[in-house]
Amino acid sequence: MTEMTTDSVVLLHGTRVLHLAAEGPKLDSAQSALDLIGHVWGHEAEMLAVPVARCGDEFFDLETRIAGEVLQKFTNYHVPLAIIGDLSGHLAESSALRAFVHESNQGRQVWFLADLDELADRLARR
C-alpha cells in the first residue's frame, strides 16, 4: 500500500474510518488526542486509523505514559483507534510494550495492526 499524503475517510465493513496521512502532527499528548478526536467528529467518522509514523518514539516508551494518556482520551470519548504499521522495532525493545499491545488487541477500543487490510478483517468480525 502506498503512503497517503492526505487524510481520508474510508468505509470498512460499514464503519467510517478516518485514515490519517503518514505526514502530519504527532500523536504525542493528551491534547493531540483531543485534537484528533475533534478531527474524527469533523469528518463524521466513527474510528481513527493512525500510521505508526504519526506516533513519536516517546509514544512507544511506556515509561513516558504518553500512550496511556492518549489511549485514555480515545476510550473516554468512545472513539475507536487503530495504530497502523510496523511495530516490530518497538516491540523488540520492550516486553512491557509487547504485553500492552497484546492486551489492547484483545479489546474493542484500541488496536495495533499491520495495515488497513488487517483493520478491515477486524471490523468484519466485530
C-alpha atoms as a PDB file:
ATOM      1  CA  MET A   1       0.000   0.000   0.000  1.00  0.00           C
ATOM      2  CA  THR A   2       1.352   3.448  -0.874  1.00  0.00           C
ATOM      3  CA  GLU A   3       1.716   6.171   1.691  1.00  0.00           C
ATOM      4  CA  MET A   4      -1.124   8.644   1.790  1.00  0.00           C
ATOM      5  CA  THR A   5      -0.422  12.332   1.570  1.00  0.00           C
ATOM      6  CA  THR A   6      -3.850  13.476   2.776  1.00  0.00           C
ATOM      7  CA  ASP A   7      -6.277  12.311   5.413  1.00  0.00           C
ATOM      8  CA  SER A   8      -9.184  10.322   4.002  1.00  0.00           C
ATOM      9  CA  VAL A   9     -12.364   8.657   5.177  1.00  0.00           C
ATOM     10  CA  VAL A  10     -12.685   5.038   4.109  1.00  0.00           C
ATOM     11  CA  LEU A  11     -15.671   2.759   4.613  1.00  0.00           C
ATOM     12  CA  LEU A  12     -14.578  -0.598   6.033  1.00  0.00           C
ATOM     13  CA  HIS A  13     -17.366  -3.093   6.675  1.00  0.00           C
ATOM     14  CA  GLY A  14     -19.870  -0.379   7.458  1.00  0.00           C
ATOM     15  CA  THR A  15     -17.514   1.652   9.665  1.00  0.00           C
ATOM     16  CA  ARG A  16     -16.420   5.136   8.588  1.00  0.00           C
ATOM     17  CA  VAL A  17     -12.698   5.260   9.385  1.00  0.00           C
ATOM     18  CA  LEU A  18     -10.660   8.456   9.213  1.00  0.00           C
ATOM     19  CA  HIS A  19      -7.243   7.308   7.995  1.00  0.00           C
ATOM     20  CA  LEU A  20      -4.569   9.900   8.667  1.00  0.00           C
ATOM     21  CA  ALA A  21      -1.795  10.653   6.223  1.00  0.00           C
ATOM     22  CA  ALA A  22       1.681   9.467   7.218  1.00  0.00           C
ATOM     23  CA  GLU A  23       2.872  13.067   7.471  1.00  0.00           C
ATOM     24  CA  GLY A  24       1.384  15.459   9.988  1.00  0.00           C
ATOM     25  CA  PRO A  25       1.329  16.396  13.644  1.00  0.00           C
ATOM     26  CA  LYS A  26       2.422  13.666  16.026  1.00  0.00           C
ATOM     27  CA  LEU A  27       0.028  11.856  18.325  1.00  0.00           C
ATOM     28  CA  ASP A  28       2.155  12.642  21.351  1.00  0.00           C
ATOM     29  CA  SER A  29      -0.023  14.095  24.110  1.00  0.00           C
ATOM     30  CA  ALA A  30      -3.496  14.143  25.596  1.00  0.00           C
ATOM     31  CA  GLN A  31      -4.098  17.418  23.750  1.00  0.00           C
ATOM     32  CA  SER A  32      -3.091  15.958  20.388  1.00  0.00           C
ATOM     33  CA  ALA A  33      -5.506  13.086  21.098  1.00  0.00           C
ATOM     34  CA  LEU A  34      -8.322  15.557  21.767  1.00  0.00           C
ATOM     35  CA  ASP A  35      -7.458  17.438  18.570  1.00  0.00           C
ATOM     36  CA  LEU A  36      -7.666  14.216  16.573  1.00  0.00           C
ATOM     37  CA  ILE A  37     -10.944  13.196  18.220  1.00  0.00           C
ATOM     38  CA  GLY A  38     -12.353  16.529  17.037  1.00  0.00           C
ATOM     39  CA  HIS A  39     -10.912  15.800  13.587  1.00  0.00           C
ATOM     40  CA  VAL A  40     -12.710  12.420  13.563  1.00  0.00           C
ATOM     41  CA  TRP A  41     -16.001  14.041  14.501  1.00  0.00           C
ATOM     42  CA  GLY A  42     -15.477  16.808  11.930  1.00  0.00           C
ATOM     43  CA  HIS A  43     -15.185  14.145   9.227  1.00  0.00           C
ATOM     44  CA  GLU A  44     -18.252  12.339  10.611  1.00  0.00           C
ATOM     45  CA  ALA A  45     -16.109   9.249  11.055  1.00  0.00           C
ATOM     46  CA  GLU A  46     -16.584   6.554  13.679  1.00  0.00           C
ATOM     47  CA  MET A  47     -12.973   5.429  14.084  1.00  0.00           C
ATOM     48  CA  LEU A  48      -9.435   6.751  13.634  1.00  0.00           C
ATOM     49  CA  ALA A  49      -6.567   4.938  11.914  1.00  0.00           C
ATOM     50  CA  VAL A  50      -3.169   6.485  12.679  1.00  0.00           C
ATOM     51  CA  PRO A  51       0.015   5.462  10.873  1.00  0.00           C
ATOM     52  CA  VAL A  52       2.843   4.443  13.200  1.00  0.00           C
ATOM     53  CA  ALA A  53       4.852   7.322  11.697  1.00  0.00           C
ATOM     54  CA  ARG A  54       2.455   9.769  13.378  1.00  0.00           C
ATOM     55  CA  CYS A  55       3.326   8.380  16.826  1.00  0.00           C
ATOM     56  CA  GLY A  56       6.607   9.648  18.200  1.00  0.00           C
ATOM     57  CA  ASP A  57       9.163   7.264  19.683  1.00  0.00           C
ATOM     58  CA  GLU A  58       8.121   8.547  23.121  1.00  0.00           C
ATOM     59  CA  PHE A  59       4.630   7.166  22.484  1.00  0.00           C
ATOM     60  CA  PHE A  60       6.060   3.637  22.433  1.00  0.00           C
ATOM     61  CA  ASP A  61       8.170   4.193  25.579  1.00  0.00           C
ATOM     62  CA  LEU A  62       5.587   3.271  28.207  1.00  0.00           C
ATOM     63  CA  GLU A  63       7.594   4.981  30.957  1.00  0.00           C
ATOM     64  CA  THR A  64       6.623   8.354  29.446  1.00  0.00           C
ATOM     65  CA  ARG A  65       2.928   7.471  29.968  1.00  0.00           C
ATOM     66  CA  ILE A  66       2.092   9.222  26.684  1.00  0.00           C
ATOM     67  CA  ALA A  67       0.450   6.137  25.170  1.00  0.00           C
ATOM     68  CA  GLY A  68      -1.686   5.634  28.255  1.00  0.00           C
ATOM     69  CA  GLU A  69      -2.837   9.261  28.305  1.00  0.00           C
ATOM     70  CA  VAL A  70      -3.603   9.250  24.587  1.00  0.00           C
ATOM     71  CA  LEU A  71      -5.468   5.951  24.626  1.00  0.00           C
ATOM     72  CA  GLN A  72      -7.451   7.018  27.681  1.00  0.00           C
ATOM     73  CA  LYS A  73      -8.795  10.038  25.769  1.00  0.00           C
ATOM     74  CA  PHE A  74      -9.953   7.841  22.889  1.00  0.00           C
ATOM     75  CA  THR A  75     -11.572   5.459  25.359  1.00  0.00           C
ATOM     76  CA  ASN A  76     -13.274   8.258  27.317  1.00  0.00           C
ATOM     77  CA  TYR A  77     -14.738   9.766  24.143  1.00  0.00           C
ATOM     78  CA  HIS A  78     -15.710   6.357  22.694  1.00  0.00           C
ATOM     79  CA  VAL A  79     -13.664   6.801  19.531  1.00  0.00           C
ATOM     80  CA  PRO A  80     -12.028   3.528  18.493  1.00  0.00           C
ATOM     81  CA  LEU A  81      -8.380   3.878  17.494  1.00  0.00           C
ATOM     82  CA  ALA A  82      -6.153   1.746  15.291  1.00  0.00           C
ATOM     83  CA  ILE A  83      -2.406   2.322  15.165  1.00  0.00           C
ATOM     84  CA  ILE A  84      -1.410   1.064  11.719  1.00  0.00           C
ATOM     85  CA  GLY A  85       2.038  -0.074  10.645  1.00  0.00           C
ATOM     86  CA  ASP A  86       5.161  -1.993  11.559  1.00  0.00           C
ATOM     87  CA  LEU A  87       5.832  -2.001  15.302  1.00  0.00           C
ATOM     88  CA  SER A  88       8.471  -4.737  15.247  1.00  0.00           C
ATOM     89  CA  GLY A  89      11.358  -2.434  16.173  1.00  0.00           C
ATOM     90  CA  HIS A  90       9.486  -1.004  19.154  1.00  0.00           C
ATOM     91  CA  LEU A  91       8.197  -4.413  20.248  1.00  0.00           C
ATOM     92  CA  ALA A  92      11.678  -5.941  20.123  1.00  0.00           C
ATOM     93  CA  GLU A  93      12.882  -3.347  22.634  1.00  0.00           C
ATOM     94  CA  SER A  94      10.177  -3.724  25.277  1.00  0.00           C
ATOM     95  CA  SER A  95       8.411  -6.702  26.791  1.00  0.00           C
ATOM     96  CA  ALA A  96       6.079  -4.247  28.548  1.00  0.00           C
ATOM     97  CA  LEU A  97       5.075  -2.764  25.194  1.00  0.00           C
ATOM     98  CA  ARG A  98       4.535  -6.253  23.742  1.00  0.00           C
ATOM     99  CA  ALA A  99       2.179  -7.018  26.643  1.00  0.00           C
ATOM    100  CA  PHE A 100       0.431  -3.648  26.251  1.00  0.00           C
ATOM    101  CA  VAL A 101      -0.128  -4.199  22.518  1.00  0.00           C
ATOM    102  CA  HIS A 102      -1.316  -7.760  23.080  1.00  0.00           C
ATOM    103  CA  GLU A 103      -3.792  -6.653  25.745  1.00  0.00           C
ATOM    104  CA  SER A 104      -5.062  -3.749  23.624  1.00  0.00           C
ATOM    105  CA  ASN A 105      -5.621  -6.043  20.656  1.00  0.00           C
ATOM    106  CA  GLN A 106      -7.875  -8.274  22.772  1.00  0.00           C
ATOM    107  CA  GLY A 107     -10.347  -5.421  23.268  1.00  0.00           C
ATOM    108  CA  ARG A 108     -12.596  -3.378  21.028  1.00  0.00           C
ATOM    109  CA  GLN A 109     -11.313   0.165  21.599  1.00  0.00           C
ATOM    110  CA  VAL A 110      -7.634   0.254  20.602  1.00  0.00           C
ATOM    111  CA  TRP A 111      -5.840  -1.979  18.128  1.00  0.00           C
ATOM    112  CA  PHE A 112      -2.266  -2.114  16.884  1.00  0.00           C
ATOM    113  CA  LEU A 113      -2.412  -3.577  13.365  1.00  0.00           C
ATOM    114  CA  ALA A 114      -0.088  -4.104  10.416  1.00  0.00           C
ATOM    115  CA  ASP A 115      -2.222  -2.433   7.738  1.00  0.00           C
ATOM    116  CA  LEU A 116      -5.714  -1.384   6.659  1.00  0.00           C
ATOM    117  CA  ASP A 117      -6.432  -4.892   5.392  1.00  0.00           C
ATOM    118  CA  GLU A 118      -5.973  -6.230   8.918  1.00  0.00           C
ATOM    119  CA  LEU A 119      -8.225  -3.446  10.214  1.00  0.00           C
ATOM    120  CA  ALA A 120     -10.877  -4.400   7.647  1.00  0.00           C
ATOM    121  CA  ASP A 121     -10.650  -8.027   8.817  1.00  0.00           C
ATOM    122  CA  ARG A 122     -11.102  -6.969  12.453  1.00  0.00           C
ATOM    123  CA  LEU A 123     -14.087  -4.813  11.604  1.00  0.00           C
ATOM    124  CA  ALA A 124     -15.658  -7.645   9.588  1.00  0.00           C
ATOM    125  CA  ARG A 125     -15.546  -9.878  12.685  1.00  0.00           C
ATOM    126  CA  ARG A 126     -16.916  -7.207  15.021  1.00  0.00           C
END
